[in-house]
């Protein structure tokens, strides 16, 4: 699946973040990791959580892992550009944390 997306992007085809979000959101639990992106609102109203699902990274090659990392960055960029926030921790579900070593965990 991810190689198909990479090939499409390399061929100059559009790979939209909204399509990736929907595609990854339909993955079964056994094939995915759940992430929570939490931002501290600039207006002092507290925290706001955004849930993301990504494919399991255990068997992904370097190019595929990079694609998933760039997807996470794009999602976070969209959140920041819409809402701002002084810090944005990214948390994986407890069961996914060992597999997610090396992936971004916060942006400050």
N, C-alpha and C. Protein backbone atom coordinates (compact mmCIF):
# COMPACT_ATOMS: atom_id res chain seq x y z
N UNK A 1 0.82 -1.19 0.00
CA UNK A 1 0.00 0.00 0.00
C UNK A 1 0.87 1.26 0.00
N UNK A 2 1.83 1.34 0.91
CA UNK A 2 2.65 2.55 1.02
C UNK A 2 3.53 2.70 -0.21
N UNK A 3 4.05 1.59 -0.73
CA UNK A 3 4.86 1.68 -1.94
C UNK A 3 4.05 2.24 -3.10
N UNK A 4 2.77 1.88 -3.18
CA UNK A 4 1.89 2.43 -4.23
C UNK A 4 1.76 3.94 -4.08
N UNK A 5 1.63 4.40 -2.85
CA UNK A 5 1.52 5.84 -2.60
C UNK A 5 2.81 6.56 -2.96
N UNK A 6 3.93 5.96 -2.63
CA UNK A 6 5.23 6.55 -2.95
C UNK A 6 5.42 6.61 -4.46
N UNK A 7 5.07 5.54 -5.15
CA UNK A 7 5.18 5.53 -6.62
C UNK A 7 4.29 6.61 -7.24
N UNK A 8 3.08 6.77 -6.72
CA UNK A 8 2.18 7.80 -7.25
C UNK A 8 2.79 9.18 -7.05
N UNK A 9 3.32 9.43 -5.87
CA UNK A 9 3.94 10.74 -5.60
C UNK A 9 5.17 10.95 -6.49
N UNK A 10 5.99 9.91 -6.64
CA UNK A 10 7.18 10.01 -7.49
C UNK A 10 6.81 10.26 -8.96
N UNK A 11 5.64 9.79 -9.36
CA UNK A 11 5.18 9.98 -10.74
C UNK A 11 4.52 11.34 -10.94
N UNK A 12 4.49 12.15 -9.87
CA UNK A 12 3.92 13.48 -9.97
C UNK A 12 2.43 13.54 -9.71
N UNK A 13 1.85 12.42 -9.29
CA UNK A 13 0.43 12.41 -8.96
C UNK A 13 0.24 12.98 -7.56
N UNK A 14 -0.90 13.59 -7.36
CA UNK A 14 -1.21 14.15 -6.04
C UNK A 14 -1.54 13.03 -5.06
N UNK A 15 -0.96 13.15 -3.88
CA UNK A 15 -1.28 12.26 -2.77
C UNK A 15 -1.75 13.18 -1.65
N UNK A 16 -3.05 13.29 -1.49
CA UNK A 16 -3.63 14.26 -0.57
C UNK A 16 -3.65 13.74 0.86
N UNK A 17 -3.34 14.62 1.79
CA UNK A 17 -3.31 14.25 3.20
C UNK A 17 -4.68 13.77 3.68
N UNK A 18 -5.74 14.37 3.16
CA UNK A 18 -7.09 13.94 3.56
C UNK A 18 -7.35 12.51 3.11
N UNK A 19 -6.85 12.14 1.93
CA UNK A 19 -7.01 10.76 1.45
C UNK A 19 -6.20 9.79 2.31
N UNK A 20 -4.97 10.20 2.67
CA UNK A 20 -4.15 9.36 3.54
C UNK A 20 -4.80 9.18 4.90
N UNK A 21 -5.33 10.26 5.45
CA UNK A 21 -5.99 10.20 6.76
C UNK A 21 -7.15 9.20 6.72
N UNK A 22 -7.95 9.27 5.67
CA UNK A 22 -9.08 8.34 5.54
C UNK A 22 -8.60 6.91 5.31
N UNK A 23 -7.61 6.74 4.45
CA UNK A 23 -7.07 5.41 4.16
C UNK A 23 -6.49 4.77 5.41
N UNK A 24 -5.63 5.49 6.11
CA UNK A 24 -5.01 4.97 7.32
C UNK A 24 -6.04 4.77 8.43
N UNK A 25 -7.05 5.63 8.47
CA UNK A 25 -8.10 5.51 9.49
C UNK A 25 -8.91 4.23 9.36
N UNK A 26 -8.95 3.65 8.17
CA UNK A 26 -9.70 2.41 7.95
C UNK A 26 -8.87 1.15 8.22
N UNK A 27 -7.59 1.31 8.54
CA UNK A 27 -6.75 0.15 8.81
C UNK A 27 -7.23 -0.56 10.07
N UNK A 28 -7.23 -1.89 10.07
CA UNK A 28 -7.59 -2.61 11.30
C UNK A 28 -6.52 -2.41 12.37
N UNK A 29 -6.92 -2.60 13.62
CA UNK A 29 -5.99 -2.43 14.74
C UNK A 29 -4.72 -3.25 14.57
N UNK A 30 -4.85 -4.45 14.03
CA UNK A 30 -3.69 -5.34 13.89
C UNK A 30 -2.67 -4.83 12.88
N UNK A 31 -3.06 -3.84 12.05
CA UNK A 31 -2.17 -3.32 11.01
C UNK A 31 -1.83 -1.85 11.22
N UNK A 32 -2.10 -1.33 12.42
CA UNK A 32 -1.92 0.11 12.60
C UNK A 32 -1.48 0.47 14.01
N UNK A 33 -1.00 1.71 14.12
CA UNK A 33 -0.69 2.35 15.40
C UNK A 33 -1.63 3.54 15.54
N UNK A 34 -2.10 3.78 16.74
CA UNK A 34 -2.89 4.98 17.01
C UNK A 34 -2.01 6.01 17.70
N UNK A 35 -2.06 7.24 17.21
CA UNK A 35 -1.32 8.35 17.80
C UNK A 35 -2.29 9.42 18.25
N UNK A 36 -1.93 10.12 19.30
CA UNK A 36 -2.70 11.26 19.76
C UNK A 36 -1.80 12.49 19.69
N UNK A 37 -2.24 13.49 18.94
CA UNK A 37 -1.54 14.77 18.86
C UNK A 37 -2.32 15.73 19.75
N UNK A 38 -1.67 16.25 20.78
CA UNK A 38 -2.35 17.11 21.74
C UNK A 38 -1.71 18.48 21.71
N UNK A 39 -2.52 19.51 21.49
CA UNK A 39 -1.97 20.87 21.49
C UNK A 39 -2.52 21.67 22.65
N UNK A 40 -1.66 22.50 23.18
CA UNK A 40 -2.05 23.47 24.20
C UNK A 40 -2.53 24.70 23.44
N UNK A 41 -3.77 25.06 23.64
CA UNK A 41 -4.35 26.16 22.88
C UNK A 41 -3.73 27.49 23.29
N UNK A 42 -3.46 28.30 22.30
CA UNK A 42 -2.84 29.61 22.54
C UNK A 42 -3.75 30.54 23.32
N UNK A 43 -5.05 30.35 23.22
CA UNK A 43 -5.98 31.26 23.92
C UNK A 43 -6.21 30.86 25.37
N UNK A 44 -5.46 29.85 25.84
CA UNK A 44 -5.55 29.45 27.24
C UNK A 44 -6.76 28.59 27.58
N UNK A 45 -7.45 28.08 26.58
CA UNK A 45 -8.66 27.29 26.84
C UNK A 45 -8.36 25.82 27.13
N UNK A 46 -7.10 25.46 27.20
CA UNK A 46 -6.75 24.09 27.56
C UNK A 46 -6.12 23.32 26.42
N UNK A 47 -6.36 22.03 26.43
CA UNK A 47 -5.76 21.12 25.47
C UNK A 47 -6.80 20.64 24.47
N UNK A 48 -6.33 20.33 23.26
CA UNK A 48 -7.20 19.76 22.24
C UNK A 48 -6.46 18.58 21.62
N UNK A 49 -7.17 17.48 21.48
CA UNK A 49 -6.58 16.23 21.00
C UNK A 49 -7.03 15.92 19.58
N UNK A 50 -6.07 15.45 18.77
CA UNK A 50 -6.34 14.99 17.41
C UNK A 50 -5.81 13.57 17.29
N UNK A 51 -6.65 12.66 16.88
CA UNK A 51 -6.25 11.26 16.76
C UNK A 51 -5.82 10.94 15.34
N UNK A 52 -4.69 10.25 15.23
CA UNK A 52 -4.17 9.80 13.94
C UNK A 52 -3.96 8.30 14.00
N UNK A 53 -4.10 7.68 12.87
CA UNK A 53 -3.78 6.26 12.74
C UNK A 53 -2.76 6.15 11.61
N UNK A 54 -1.73 5.36 11.86
CA UNK A 54 -0.71 5.13 10.83
C UNK A 54 -0.51 3.63 10.67
N UNK A 55 -0.02 3.21 9.51
CA UNK A 55 0.28 1.78 9.34
C UNK A 55 1.36 1.32 10.32
N UNK A 56 1.30 0.06 10.70
CA UNK A 56 2.36 -0.50 11.54
C UNK A 56 3.69 -0.32 10.82
N UNK A 57 4.68 0.11 11.56
CA UNK A 57 5.97 0.42 10.93
C UNK A 57 6.99 -0.70 11.06
N UNK A 58 6.64 -1.72 11.77
CA UNK A 58 7.56 -2.83 12.08
C UNK A 58 8.28 -3.36 10.84
N UNK A 59 7.59 -3.59 9.75
CA UNK A 59 8.20 -4.20 8.57
C UNK A 59 8.41 -3.23 7.42
N UNK A 60 8.37 -1.95 7.70
CA UNK A 60 8.53 -0.96 6.64
C UNK A 60 10.01 -0.69 6.37
N UNK A 61 10.34 -0.46 5.11
CA UNK A 61 11.71 -0.09 4.78
C UNK A 61 11.92 1.41 5.06
N UNK A 62 13.13 1.86 4.85
CA UNK A 62 13.47 3.25 5.18
C UNK A 62 12.59 4.25 4.42
N UNK A 63 12.39 4.02 3.15
CA UNK A 63 11.58 4.94 2.34
C UNK A 63 10.14 5.00 2.84
N UNK A 64 9.59 3.86 3.19
CA UNK A 64 8.21 3.80 3.71
C UNK A 64 8.11 4.48 5.07
N UNK A 65 9.10 4.25 5.93
CA UNK A 65 9.10 4.91 7.25
C UNK A 65 9.18 6.43 7.08
N UNK A 66 10.02 6.87 6.16
CA UNK A 66 10.15 8.30 5.90
C UNK A 66 8.82 8.86 5.41
N UNK A 67 8.13 8.15 4.54
CA UNK A 67 6.82 8.58 4.04
C UNK A 67 5.84 8.76 5.20
N UNK A 68 5.82 7.81 6.12
CA UNK A 68 4.91 7.89 7.27
C UNK A 68 5.31 9.06 8.17
N UNK A 69 6.60 9.26 8.40
CA UNK A 69 7.05 10.40 9.21
C UNK A 69 6.63 11.71 8.56
N UNK A 70 6.77 11.81 7.25
CA UNK A 70 6.36 13.03 6.55
C UNK A 70 4.85 13.23 6.63
N UNK A 71 4.10 12.14 6.60
CA UNK A 71 2.65 12.24 6.78
C UNK A 71 2.33 12.82 8.17
N UNK A 72 2.99 12.32 9.20
CA UNK A 72 2.76 12.83 10.56
C UNK A 72 3.10 14.32 10.60
N UNK A 73 4.24 14.70 10.03
CA UNK A 73 4.63 16.12 10.01
C UNK A 73 3.58 16.96 9.29
N UNK A 74 3.04 16.45 8.19
CA UNK A 74 2.02 17.20 7.44
C UNK A 74 0.76 17.37 8.27
N UNK A 75 0.34 16.33 8.97
CA UNK A 75 -0.84 16.43 9.83
C UNK A 75 -0.61 17.48 10.93
N UNK A 76 0.56 17.41 11.55
CA UNK A 76 0.88 18.38 12.62
C UNK A 76 0.95 19.79 12.05
N UNK A 77 1.55 19.95 10.88
CA UNK A 77 1.62 21.28 10.25
C UNK A 77 0.21 21.84 10.03
N UNK A 78 -0.70 21.00 9.55
CA UNK A 78 -2.07 21.47 9.34
C UNK A 78 -2.71 21.92 10.65
N UNK A 79 -2.47 21.19 11.71
CA UNK A 79 -3.03 21.55 13.01
C UNK A 79 -2.43 22.88 13.48
N UNK A 80 -1.10 23.00 13.38
CA UNK A 80 -0.44 24.22 13.82
C UNK A 80 -0.91 25.42 13.00
N UNK A 81 -1.01 25.24 11.69
CA UNK A 81 -1.39 26.38 10.85
C UNK A 81 -2.82 26.82 11.11
N UNK A 82 -3.67 25.91 11.55
CA UNK A 82 -5.06 26.26 11.83
C UNK A 82 -5.24 26.80 13.25
N UNK A 83 -4.52 26.22 14.22
CA UNK A 83 -4.80 26.54 15.62
C UNK A 83 -3.63 27.10 16.40
N UNK A 84 -2.42 26.91 15.94
CA UNK A 84 -1.25 27.33 16.71
C UNK A 84 -1.02 26.41 17.89
N UNK A 85 -0.21 26.85 18.80
CA UNK A 85 0.07 26.07 20.00
C UNK A 85 1.55 26.15 20.36
N UNK A 86 1.87 26.40 21.63
CA UNK A 86 3.27 26.52 22.03
C UNK A 86 4.02 25.20 22.06
N UNK A 87 3.31 24.08 22.23
CA UNK A 87 3.94 22.77 22.20
C UNK A 87 2.91 21.74 21.77
N UNK A 88 3.41 20.69 21.14
CA UNK A 88 2.50 19.67 20.63
C UNK A 88 3.12 18.30 20.89
N UNK A 89 2.78 17.66 22.01
CA UNK A 89 3.27 16.30 22.22
C UNK A 89 2.49 15.32 21.35
N UNK A 90 3.18 14.29 20.89
CA UNK A 90 2.57 13.23 20.09
C UNK A 90 2.76 11.94 20.86
N UNK A 91 1.69 11.26 21.17
CA UNK A 91 1.76 10.05 21.98
C UNK A 91 1.19 8.87 21.22
N UNK A 92 1.89 7.76 21.29
CA UNK A 92 1.38 6.52 20.72
C UNK A 92 0.66 5.73 21.80
N UNK A 93 -0.23 4.87 21.38
CA UNK A 93 -0.89 3.96 22.32
C UNK A 93 0.20 3.14 23.01
N UNK A 94 -0.03 2.79 24.27
CA UNK A 94 0.98 2.05 25.03
C UNK A 94 1.50 0.82 24.27
N UNK A 95 0.61 0.11 23.64
CA UNK A 95 1.03 -1.11 22.93
C UNK A 95 1.91 -0.80 21.72
N UNK A 96 1.83 0.41 21.19
CA UNK A 96 2.60 0.78 20.00
C UNK A 96 3.92 1.44 20.33
N UNK A 97 4.10 1.91 21.54
CA UNK A 97 5.28 2.72 21.86
C UNK A 97 6.61 2.03 21.54
N UNK A 98 6.81 0.76 21.86
CA UNK A 98 8.10 0.16 21.52
C UNK A 98 8.38 0.17 20.01
N UNK A 99 7.35 -0.02 19.21
CA UNK A 99 7.52 -0.05 17.75
C UNK A 99 7.76 1.33 17.17
N UNK A 100 7.40 2.37 17.89
CA UNK A 100 7.48 3.73 17.37
C UNK A 100 8.77 4.44 17.77
N UNK A 101 9.72 3.72 18.34
CA UNK A 101 11.00 4.33 18.73
C UNK A 101 11.61 5.01 17.51
N UNK A 102 12.06 6.23 17.69
CA UNK A 102 12.68 6.98 16.61
C UNK A 102 11.71 7.87 15.86
N UNK A 103 10.43 7.72 16.10
CA UNK A 103 9.46 8.61 15.46
C UNK A 103 9.29 9.85 16.32
N UNK A 104 8.81 10.96 15.73
CA UNK A 104 8.68 12.19 16.49
C UNK A 104 7.73 12.03 17.66
N UNK A 105 8.09 12.62 18.82
CA UNK A 105 7.23 12.55 19.99
C UNK A 105 6.76 13.90 20.47
N UNK A 106 7.36 14.97 19.97
CA UNK A 106 6.87 16.31 20.32
C UNK A 106 7.48 17.33 19.37
N UNK A 107 6.79 18.44 19.28
CA UNK A 107 7.27 19.57 18.51
C UNK A 107 7.13 20.79 19.40
N UNK A 108 8.22 21.45 19.71
CA UNK A 108 8.17 22.63 20.56
C UNK A 108 8.92 23.77 19.91
